[in-house]
């Protein structure tokens, strides 16, 4: 299963895009860059979590 196929990923990306669009309208955008960084990293964190779960049952018996 691909990350992009997961509904939770699709919802989080839509939320991040909406938040980004709203924040871009703020007069003091630079003051809120930490908030933007956190939303932008959401997809990366979700991907890492899914990879961890997907690999937790795998063993490398060579």
C-alpha atoms as a PDB file:
ATOM      1  CA  UNK A   1       0.000   0.000   0.000  1.00  0.00           C
ATOM      2  CA  UNK A   2       1.264   3.435  -0.909  1.00  0.00           C
ATOM      3  CA  UNK A   3       1.184   6.332   1.516  1.00  0.00           C
ATOM      4  CA  UNK A   4      -0.815   8.374  -0.987  1.00  0.00           C
ATOM      5  CA  UNK A   5      -3.551   5.727  -0.980  1.00  0.00           C
ATOM      6  CA  UNK A   6      -4.318   6.118   2.726  1.00  0.00           C
ATOM      7  CA  UNK A   7      -7.327   8.247   3.568  1.00  0.00           C
ATOM      8  CA  UNK A   8      -5.597   9.698   6.642  1.00  0.00           C
ATOM      9  CA  UNK A   9      -2.751  10.910   4.422  1.00  0.00           C
ATOM     10  CA  UNK A  10      -5.142  12.479   1.925  1.00  0.00           C
ATOM     11  CA  UNK A  11      -7.019  14.269   4.710  1.00  0.00           C
ATOM     12  CA  UNK A  12      -3.817  15.517   6.345  1.00  0.00           C
ATOM     13  CA  UNK A  13      -2.507  16.852   3.028  1.00  0.00           C
ATOM     14  CA  UNK A  14      -5.792  18.660   2.358  1.00  0.00           C
ATOM     15  CA  UNK A  15      -5.674  20.171   5.860  1.00  0.00           C
ATOM     16  CA  UNK A  16      -2.059  21.258   5.390  1.00  0.00           C
ATOM     17  CA  UNK A  17      -2.928  22.913   2.071  1.00  0.00           C
ATOM     18  CA  UNK A  18      -5.901  24.745   3.580  1.00  0.00           C
ATOM     19  CA  UNK A  19      -3.884  25.951   6.560  1.00  0.00           C
ATOM     20  CA  UNK A  20      -1.084  27.071   4.252  1.00  0.00           C
ATOM     21  CA  UNK A  21      -3.507  29.070   2.104  1.00  0.00           C
ATOM     22  CA  UNK A  22      -5.030  30.742   5.164  1.00  0.00           C
ATOM     23  CA  UNK A  23      -1.704  31.588   6.748  1.00  0.00           C
ATOM     24  CA  UNK A  24      -0.396  33.084   3.517  1.00  0.00           C
ATOM     25  CA  UNK A  25      -3.132  35.723   3.890  1.00  0.00           C
ATOM     26  CA  UNK A  26      -1.932  36.789   7.353  1.00  0.00           C
ATOM     27  CA  UNK A  27      -0.201  40.151   7.642  1.00  0.00           C
ATOM     28  CA  UNK A  28       2.374  38.803  10.077  1.00  0.00           C
ATOM     29  CA  UNK A  29       3.182  35.627   8.174  1.00  0.00           C
ATOM     30  CA  UNK A  30       6.789  35.521   9.381  1.00  0.00           C
ATOM     31  CA  UNK A  31       5.623  35.271  13.008  1.00  0.00           C
ATOM     32  CA  UNK A  32       3.821  32.038  12.264  1.00  0.00           C
ATOM     33  CA  UNK A  33       6.507  30.185  10.339  1.00  0.00           C
ATOM     34  CA  UNK A  34       6.838  27.579  13.103  1.00  0.00           C
ATOM     35  CA  UNK A  35       3.180  26.666  12.647  1.00  0.00           C
ATOM     36  CA  UNK A  36       3.722  26.276   8.914  1.00  0.00           C
ATOM     37  CA  UNK A  37       6.786  24.088   9.490  1.00  0.00           C
ATOM     38  CA  UNK A  38       4.806  21.796  11.776  1.00  0.00           C
ATOM     39  CA  UNK A  39       2.026  21.323   9.242  1.00  0.00           C
ATOM     40  CA  UNK A  40       4.508  20.757   6.439  1.00  0.00           C
ATOM     41  CA  UNK A  41       6.231  18.012   8.426  1.00  0.00           C
ATOM     42  CA  UNK A  42       2.961  16.178   9.057  1.00  0.00           C
ATOM     43  CA  UNK A  43       3.230  14.142   5.853  1.00  0.00           C
ATOM     44  CA  UNK A  44       6.818  13.173   6.608  1.00  0.00           C
ATOM     45  CA  UNK A  45       5.978  12.045  10.130  1.00  0.00           C
ATOM     46  CA  UNK A  46       2.986  10.070   8.892  1.00  0.00           C
ATOM     47  CA  UNK A  47       5.115   8.375   6.248  1.00  0.00           C
ATOM     48  CA  UNK A  48       7.761   7.426   8.823  1.00  0.00           C
ATOM     49  CA  UNK A  49       5.116   6.023  11.151  1.00  0.00           C
ATOM     50  CA  UNK A  50       3.526   3.945   8.405  1.00  0.00           C
ATOM     51  CA  UNK A  51       6.913   2.617   7.332  1.00  0.00           C
ATOM     52  CA  UNK A  52       7.666   1.652  10.937  1.00  0.00           C
ATOM     53  CA  UNK A  53       4.396  -0.235  11.244  1.00  0.00           C
ATOM     54  CA  UNK A  54       4.865  -1.889   7.866  1.00  0.00           C
ATOM     55  CA  UNK A  55       8.361  -3.044   8.722  1.00  0.00           C
ATOM     56  CA  UNK A  56       7.637  -4.154  12.291  1.00  0.00           C
ATOM     57  CA  UNK A  57       6.594  -7.647  11.200  1.00  0.00           C
ATOM     58  CA  UNK A  58       9.445  -8.159   8.768  1.00  0.00           C
ATOM     59  CA  UNK A  59      12.506 -10.177   9.671  1.00  0.00           C
ATOM     60  CA  UNK A  60      15.688 -10.511   7.717  1.00  0.00           C
ATOM     61  CA  UNK A  61      16.697 -14.145   7.972  1.00  0.00           C
ATOM     62  CA  UNK A  62      19.704 -14.505   5.702  1.00  0.00           C
END
